[in-house]
N, C-alpha and C. Protein backbone atom coordinates (compact mmCIF):
# COMPACT_ATOMS: atom_id res chain seq x y z
N MET A 1 128.54 -34.83 -61.93
CA MET A 1 127.84 -36.03 -61.55
C MET A 1 127.02 -35.78 -60.29
N ARG A 2 127.59 -34.98 -59.35
CA ARG A 2 126.85 -34.66 -58.13
C ARG A 2 125.59 -33.90 -58.45
N ARG A 3 125.67 -32.99 -59.40
CA ARG A 3 124.50 -32.18 -59.75
C ARG A 3 123.40 -33.07 -60.35
N VAL A 4 123.76 -34.05 -61.13
CA VAL A 4 122.79 -34.95 -61.74
C VAL A 4 122.09 -35.75 -60.65
N LYS A 5 122.87 -36.29 -59.69
CA LYS A 5 122.28 -37.05 -58.59
C LYS A 5 121.39 -36.16 -57.74
N SER A 6 121.83 -34.95 -57.51
CA SER A 6 121.06 -34.01 -56.69
C SER A 6 119.75 -33.65 -57.38
N LYS A 7 119.83 -33.36 -58.69
CA LYS A 7 118.62 -33.04 -59.44
C LYS A 7 117.68 -34.24 -59.51
N THR A 8 118.22 -35.44 -59.64
CA THR A 8 117.40 -36.65 -59.68
C THR A 8 116.71 -36.86 -58.34
N ALA A 9 117.41 -36.63 -57.25
CA ALA A 9 116.82 -36.79 -55.92
C ALA A 9 115.72 -35.77 -55.70
N VAL A 10 115.94 -34.53 -56.12
CA VAL A 10 114.93 -33.48 -55.96
C VAL A 10 113.71 -33.81 -56.82
N LEU A 11 113.94 -34.25 -58.04
CA LEU A 11 112.84 -34.62 -58.93
C LEU A 11 112.05 -35.80 -58.36
N ALA A 12 112.73 -36.79 -57.83
CA ALA A 12 112.05 -37.95 -57.23
C ALA A 12 111.22 -37.52 -56.03
N ALA A 13 111.79 -36.65 -55.21
CA ALA A 13 111.06 -36.16 -54.03
C ALA A 13 109.82 -35.37 -54.45
N ALA A 14 109.95 -34.56 -55.52
CA ALA A 14 108.82 -33.78 -56.01
C ALA A 14 107.71 -34.69 -56.54
N VAL A 15 108.08 -35.76 -57.22
CA VAL A 15 107.10 -36.70 -57.75
C VAL A 15 106.37 -37.40 -56.59
N VAL A 16 107.10 -37.81 -55.58
CA VAL A 16 106.49 -38.46 -54.42
C VAL A 16 105.52 -37.49 -53.74
N LEU A 17 105.91 -36.25 -53.55
CA LEU A 17 105.04 -35.25 -52.92
C LEU A 17 103.78 -35.02 -53.75
N LEU A 18 103.91 -34.95 -55.06
CA LEU A 18 102.75 -34.78 -55.93
C LEU A 18 101.80 -35.97 -55.85
N LEU A 19 102.36 -37.16 -55.80
CA LEU A 19 101.53 -38.35 -55.68
C LEU A 19 100.79 -38.38 -54.34
N LEU A 20 101.48 -38.03 -53.28
CA LEU A 20 100.84 -37.99 -51.96
C LEU A 20 99.74 -36.92 -51.91
N ALA A 21 100.00 -35.78 -52.52
CA ALA A 21 99.00 -34.71 -52.52
C ALA A 21 97.77 -35.10 -53.34
N ALA A 22 97.97 -35.92 -54.37
CA ALA A 22 96.85 -36.32 -55.22
C ALA A 22 95.98 -37.39 -54.56
N CYS A 23 96.53 -38.09 -53.59
CA CYS A 23 95.75 -39.13 -52.90
C CYS A 23 94.76 -38.47 -51.95
N ALA A 24 93.50 -38.82 -52.10
CA ALA A 24 92.46 -38.27 -51.22
C ALA A 24 92.41 -39.08 -49.94
N MET A 25 92.21 -38.37 -48.86
CA MET A 25 92.02 -39.04 -47.58
C MET A 25 90.63 -39.66 -47.58
N PRO A 26 90.51 -40.86 -47.06
CA PRO A 26 89.17 -41.46 -47.02
C PRO A 26 88.27 -40.70 -46.06
N GLU A 27 86.98 -40.70 -46.37
CA GLU A 27 86.03 -40.05 -45.49
C GLU A 27 85.92 -40.83 -44.19
N ALA A 28 85.67 -40.11 -43.12
CA ALA A 28 85.44 -40.77 -41.84
C ALA A 28 84.15 -41.58 -41.95
N PRO A 29 84.11 -42.75 -41.35
CA PRO A 29 82.88 -43.55 -41.44
C PRO A 29 81.74 -42.85 -40.70
N THR A 30 80.52 -43.12 -41.15
CA THR A 30 79.37 -42.59 -40.42
C THR A 30 79.32 -43.28 -39.07
N ARG A 31 78.94 -42.52 -38.06
CA ARG A 31 78.87 -43.07 -36.71
C ARG A 31 77.44 -42.89 -36.20
N THR A 32 76.79 -44.00 -35.99
CA THR A 32 75.40 -43.99 -35.54
C THR A 32 75.31 -44.66 -34.18
N ALA A 33 74.60 -44.02 -33.27
CA ALA A 33 74.39 -44.59 -31.94
C ALA A 33 72.90 -44.81 -31.72
N LEU A 34 72.56 -46.00 -31.26
CA LEU A 34 71.21 -46.32 -30.84
C LEU A 34 71.25 -46.42 -29.32
N VAL A 35 70.58 -45.50 -28.64
CA VAL A 35 70.70 -45.37 -27.18
C VAL A 35 69.32 -45.47 -26.55
N TYR A 36 69.18 -46.40 -25.60
CA TYR A 36 67.89 -46.62 -24.96
C TYR A 36 68.04 -46.70 -23.46
N GLY A 37 67.10 -46.10 -22.76
CA GLY A 37 67.05 -46.17 -21.31
C GLY A 37 65.62 -46.39 -20.86
N ILE A 38 65.41 -47.45 -20.11
CA ILE A 38 64.06 -47.78 -19.66
C ILE A 38 64.05 -47.88 -18.15
N SER A 39 63.31 -46.99 -17.52
CA SER A 39 63.18 -47.04 -16.07
C SER A 39 61.77 -47.42 -15.63
N ILE A 40 60.79 -47.25 -16.51
CA ILE A 40 59.40 -47.58 -16.18
C ILE A 40 58.98 -48.84 -16.92
N TYR A 41 58.73 -49.89 -16.19
CA TYR A 41 58.17 -51.13 -16.75
C TYR A 41 56.73 -51.29 -16.32
N ASP A 42 56.42 -50.89 -15.11
CA ASP A 42 55.07 -50.96 -14.56
C ASP A 42 54.52 -49.53 -14.60
N THR A 43 53.67 -49.23 -15.59
CA THR A 43 53.19 -47.86 -15.75
C THR A 43 52.18 -47.45 -14.68
N SER A 44 51.77 -48.39 -13.83
CA SER A 44 50.84 -48.01 -12.76
C SER A 44 51.57 -47.43 -11.56
N ALA A 45 52.91 -47.49 -11.56
CA ALA A 45 53.70 -46.98 -10.43
C ALA A 45 54.82 -46.09 -10.95
N GLY A 46 55.39 -45.30 -10.09
CA GLY A 46 56.44 -44.37 -10.49
C GLY A 46 57.80 -45.01 -10.64
N GLU A 47 58.76 -44.20 -11.08
CA GLU A 47 60.12 -44.65 -11.28
C GLU A 47 60.69 -45.18 -9.96
N GLY A 48 61.27 -46.39 -9.99
CA GLY A 48 61.91 -46.97 -8.81
C GLY A 48 60.94 -47.37 -7.71
N ALA A 49 59.66 -47.45 -8.01
CA ALA A 49 58.66 -47.75 -6.99
C ALA A 49 58.91 -49.14 -6.39
N ASN A 50 58.77 -49.25 -5.07
CA ASN A 50 58.94 -50.54 -4.39
C ASN A 50 57.90 -51.52 -4.88
N GLY A 51 58.31 -52.78 -5.00
CA GLY A 51 57.39 -53.83 -5.40
C GLY A 51 57.11 -53.87 -6.89
N THR A 52 57.84 -53.11 -7.68
CA THR A 52 57.66 -53.13 -9.14
C THR A 52 58.98 -53.47 -9.80
N ASP A 53 58.95 -53.62 -11.12
CA ASP A 53 60.18 -53.84 -11.88
C ASP A 53 60.80 -52.52 -12.33
N ASN A 54 60.26 -51.40 -11.88
CA ASN A 54 60.75 -50.10 -12.30
C ASN A 54 62.14 -49.84 -11.71
N LEU A 55 62.94 -49.10 -12.43
CA LEU A 55 64.33 -48.83 -12.05
C LEU A 55 64.55 -47.34 -11.82
N ASN A 56 65.62 -47.03 -11.14
CA ASN A 56 66.05 -45.64 -10.96
C ASN A 56 67.23 -45.36 -11.88
N TYR A 57 67.24 -44.20 -12.50
CA TYR A 57 68.40 -43.62 -13.18
C TYR A 57 68.80 -44.26 -14.51
N THR A 58 68.17 -45.33 -14.95
CA THR A 58 68.56 -45.91 -16.23
C THR A 58 68.26 -44.94 -17.38
N ASP A 59 67.17 -44.20 -17.25
CA ASP A 59 66.85 -43.20 -18.27
C ASP A 59 67.88 -42.09 -18.26
N ASN A 60 68.32 -41.67 -17.08
CA ASN A 60 69.34 -40.61 -16.99
C ASN A 60 70.66 -41.06 -17.61
N ASP A 61 71.02 -42.34 -17.40
CA ASP A 61 72.23 -42.87 -18.02
C ASP A 61 72.16 -42.72 -19.54
N ALA A 62 71.04 -43.15 -20.10
CA ALA A 62 70.88 -43.11 -21.56
C ALA A 62 70.86 -41.67 -22.08
N ILE A 63 70.19 -40.78 -21.37
CA ILE A 63 70.15 -39.37 -21.78
C ILE A 63 71.56 -38.77 -21.78
N SER A 64 72.35 -39.09 -20.76
CA SER A 64 73.73 -38.57 -20.68
C SER A 64 74.60 -39.14 -21.79
N ILE A 65 74.49 -40.43 -22.05
CA ILE A 65 75.29 -41.06 -23.11
C ILE A 65 74.90 -40.48 -24.48
N ALA A 66 73.60 -40.32 -24.72
CA ALA A 66 73.13 -39.76 -25.99
C ALA A 66 73.67 -38.35 -26.20
N ALA A 67 73.64 -37.53 -25.15
CA ALA A 67 74.15 -36.15 -25.25
C ALA A 67 75.65 -36.14 -25.52
N MET A 68 76.40 -36.99 -24.82
CA MET A 68 77.84 -37.03 -25.00
C MET A 68 78.20 -37.47 -26.42
N LEU A 69 77.55 -38.51 -26.91
CA LEU A 69 77.83 -38.98 -28.26
C LEU A 69 77.43 -37.94 -29.31
N GLY A 70 76.28 -37.30 -29.11
CA GLY A 70 75.86 -36.25 -30.03
C GLY A 70 76.86 -35.11 -30.08
N ASN A 71 77.42 -34.74 -28.93
CA ASN A 71 78.43 -33.68 -28.87
C ASN A 71 79.73 -34.09 -29.56
N LYS A 72 79.95 -35.39 -29.69
CA LYS A 72 81.16 -35.91 -30.35
C LYS A 72 80.95 -36.18 -31.84
N GLY A 73 79.77 -35.79 -32.36
CA GLY A 73 79.52 -35.92 -33.79
C GLY A 73 78.79 -37.17 -34.22
N TRP A 74 78.33 -37.97 -33.28
CA TRP A 74 77.58 -39.17 -33.63
C TRP A 74 76.15 -38.79 -34.00
N SER A 75 75.56 -39.52 -34.91
CA SER A 75 74.13 -39.41 -35.20
C SER A 75 73.43 -40.32 -34.19
N VAL A 76 72.58 -39.74 -33.36
CA VAL A 76 72.00 -40.49 -32.24
C VAL A 76 70.50 -40.67 -32.42
N THR A 77 70.05 -41.92 -32.28
CA THR A 77 68.64 -42.25 -32.17
C THR A 77 68.46 -42.77 -30.76
N SER A 78 67.51 -42.20 -30.02
CA SER A 78 67.35 -42.65 -28.64
C SER A 78 65.90 -42.94 -28.32
N GLY A 79 65.73 -43.79 -27.34
CA GLY A 79 64.41 -44.12 -26.82
C GLY A 79 64.47 -44.12 -25.31
N ILE A 80 63.62 -43.33 -24.70
CA ILE A 80 63.63 -43.20 -23.25
C ILE A 80 62.23 -43.53 -22.72
N ALA A 81 62.16 -44.46 -21.78
CA ALA A 81 60.89 -44.80 -21.14
C ALA A 81 61.03 -44.45 -19.66
N ASN A 82 60.56 -43.26 -19.32
CA ASN A 82 60.69 -42.82 -17.93
C ASN A 82 59.42 -42.14 -17.43
N THR A 83 58.31 -42.48 -18.02
CA THR A 83 57.06 -41.85 -17.65
C THR A 83 55.96 -42.90 -17.54
N GLN A 84 54.95 -42.58 -16.78
CA GLN A 84 53.83 -43.52 -16.65
C GLN A 84 52.84 -43.36 -17.80
N ILE A 85 53.08 -42.45 -18.70
CA ILE A 85 52.20 -42.23 -19.85
C ILE A 85 52.78 -43.02 -21.03
N PRO A 86 52.15 -44.14 -21.40
CA PRO A 86 52.72 -45.00 -22.44
C PRO A 86 53.04 -44.28 -23.74
N MET A 87 52.25 -43.32 -24.16
CA MET A 87 52.51 -42.61 -25.42
C MET A 87 53.83 -41.85 -25.38
N GLU A 88 54.25 -41.42 -24.19
CA GLU A 88 55.51 -40.68 -24.08
C GLU A 88 56.72 -41.60 -24.08
N SER A 89 56.49 -42.89 -23.93
CA SER A 89 57.58 -43.86 -23.90
C SER A 89 57.58 -44.79 -25.10
N GLN A 90 56.80 -44.48 -26.12
CA GLN A 90 56.66 -45.39 -27.25
C GLN A 90 57.93 -45.53 -28.08
N ASP A 91 58.89 -44.62 -27.95
CA ASP A 91 60.13 -44.74 -28.69
C ASP A 91 61.10 -45.73 -28.04
N ALA A 92 60.70 -46.34 -26.92
CA ALA A 92 61.56 -47.32 -26.25
C ALA A 92 60.88 -48.68 -26.11
N THR A 93 59.95 -48.97 -26.98
CA THR A 93 59.30 -50.29 -26.97
C THR A 93 60.15 -51.27 -27.77
N ARG A 94 59.84 -52.54 -27.61
CA ARG A 94 60.56 -53.56 -28.38
C ARG A 94 60.43 -53.30 -29.87
N ALA A 95 59.23 -52.97 -30.31
CA ALA A 95 59.01 -52.71 -31.75
C ALA A 95 59.85 -51.53 -32.23
N ALA A 96 59.94 -50.48 -31.41
CA ALA A 96 60.73 -49.30 -31.79
C ALA A 96 62.22 -49.64 -31.85
N LEU A 97 62.72 -50.39 -30.87
CA LEU A 97 64.12 -50.80 -30.89
C LEU A 97 64.43 -51.63 -32.13
N GLU A 98 63.58 -52.60 -32.44
CA GLU A 98 63.81 -53.44 -33.61
C GLU A 98 63.77 -52.62 -34.89
N ALA A 99 62.82 -51.70 -34.99
CA ALA A 99 62.73 -50.85 -36.19
C ALA A 99 63.98 -50.00 -36.34
N ASP A 100 64.48 -49.45 -35.24
CA ASP A 100 65.70 -48.63 -35.30
C ASP A 100 66.90 -49.47 -35.72
N ILE A 101 67.00 -50.67 -35.18
CA ILE A 101 68.13 -51.55 -35.55
C ILE A 101 68.06 -51.90 -37.03
N TYR A 102 66.89 -52.29 -37.52
CA TYR A 102 66.75 -52.67 -38.92
C TYR A 102 66.96 -51.49 -39.87
N SER A 103 66.70 -50.28 -39.42
CA SER A 103 66.87 -49.11 -40.28
C SER A 103 68.33 -48.66 -40.34
N THR A 104 69.17 -49.21 -39.51
CA THR A 104 70.59 -48.87 -39.49
C THR A 104 71.34 -49.90 -40.32
N THR A 105 71.46 -49.61 -41.61
CA THR A 105 71.99 -50.62 -42.53
C THR A 105 73.23 -50.16 -43.28
N ASN A 106 73.96 -49.19 -42.79
CA ASN A 106 75.15 -48.72 -43.50
C ASN A 106 76.34 -49.61 -43.15
N PRO A 107 76.74 -50.50 -44.07
CA PRO A 107 77.84 -51.41 -43.75
C PRO A 107 79.20 -50.71 -43.67
N GLU A 108 79.29 -49.49 -44.16
CA GLU A 108 80.55 -48.76 -44.15
C GLU A 108 80.76 -47.99 -42.84
N GLY A 109 79.74 -47.88 -42.03
CA GLY A 109 79.85 -47.06 -40.84
C GLY A 109 79.97 -47.86 -39.56
N LEU A 110 79.96 -47.13 -38.46
CA LEU A 110 80.03 -47.72 -37.13
C LEU A 110 78.66 -47.57 -36.47
N VAL A 111 78.24 -48.60 -35.76
CA VAL A 111 76.98 -48.54 -35.01
C VAL A 111 77.27 -48.93 -33.58
N LEU A 112 76.83 -48.09 -32.66
CA LEU A 112 76.95 -48.36 -31.23
C LEU A 112 75.55 -48.57 -30.68
N PHE A 113 75.33 -49.67 -29.98
CA PHE A 113 74.05 -49.94 -29.33
C PHE A 113 74.27 -49.83 -27.83
N TYR A 114 73.54 -48.92 -27.18
CA TYR A 114 73.65 -48.73 -25.74
C TYR A 114 72.27 -48.92 -25.12
N TYR A 115 72.21 -49.79 -24.12
CA TYR A 115 70.94 -50.10 -23.47
C TYR A 115 71.13 -50.03 -21.96
N SER A 116 70.25 -49.30 -21.31
CA SER A 116 70.25 -49.22 -19.85
C SER A 116 68.86 -49.59 -19.37
N GLY A 117 68.74 -50.75 -18.75
CA GLY A 117 67.45 -51.25 -18.30
C GLY A 117 67.60 -52.68 -17.83
N HIS A 118 66.48 -53.40 -17.72
CA HIS A 118 66.51 -54.78 -17.25
C HIS A 118 67.11 -55.71 -18.30
N GLY A 119 67.71 -56.77 -17.81
CA GLY A 119 68.19 -57.84 -18.65
C GLY A 119 67.88 -59.16 -17.96
N SER A 120 68.08 -60.26 -18.68
CA SER A 120 67.77 -61.56 -18.12
C SER A 120 68.51 -62.63 -18.90
N ILE A 121 68.49 -63.84 -18.35
CA ILE A 121 69.02 -65.00 -19.05
C ILE A 121 67.82 -65.79 -19.56
N TYR A 122 67.79 -66.04 -20.85
CA TYR A 122 66.69 -66.77 -21.46
C TYR A 122 67.27 -67.84 -22.36
N GLY A 123 66.98 -69.08 -22.07
CA GLY A 123 67.52 -70.17 -22.88
C GLY A 123 69.03 -70.23 -22.86
N GLY A 124 69.64 -69.81 -21.76
CA GLY A 124 71.08 -69.83 -21.63
C GLY A 124 71.79 -68.65 -22.27
N GLU A 125 71.05 -67.70 -22.81
CA GLU A 125 71.66 -66.53 -23.43
C GLU A 125 71.16 -65.26 -22.78
N ALA A 126 72.03 -64.26 -22.73
CA ALA A 126 71.66 -62.97 -22.16
C ALA A 126 70.68 -62.25 -23.10
N ALA A 127 69.71 -61.56 -22.52
CA ALA A 127 68.71 -60.84 -23.31
C ALA A 127 68.36 -59.54 -22.61
N ILE A 128 68.05 -58.52 -23.40
CA ILE A 128 67.54 -57.27 -22.82
C ILE A 128 66.03 -57.37 -22.74
N ILE A 129 65.44 -56.57 -21.86
CA ILE A 129 63.99 -56.61 -21.70
C ILE A 129 63.44 -55.20 -21.95
N PRO A 130 63.08 -54.90 -23.21
CA PRO A 130 62.49 -53.58 -23.49
C PRO A 130 61.02 -53.55 -23.09
């Protein structure tokens, strides 16, 4: 009787192990990061210039975050506005941010939005200012 119970227990354990081995692990979700840093708002003056809305280091924050996330396996789209040449900052305009957001449509994945720049209260709600 002991042998029958022992064989039954071994057989049950083998079946459980086979079932577990047959189960596939789910794929990790896609991880997408949208990272923006805007330090130049007034293109007639330099970064952080007195008397302007320009900021210091917001572009560096975004560049560092984008690099860190990229090193961790995230797919990163970034926009940096840190130059007085508008063509070099076109990836950080409002239109570019909106296009990037709308193009990120994977409901199965994770999306991180990181913004370093000016913000404001408009109509009682917080808003970013690209």
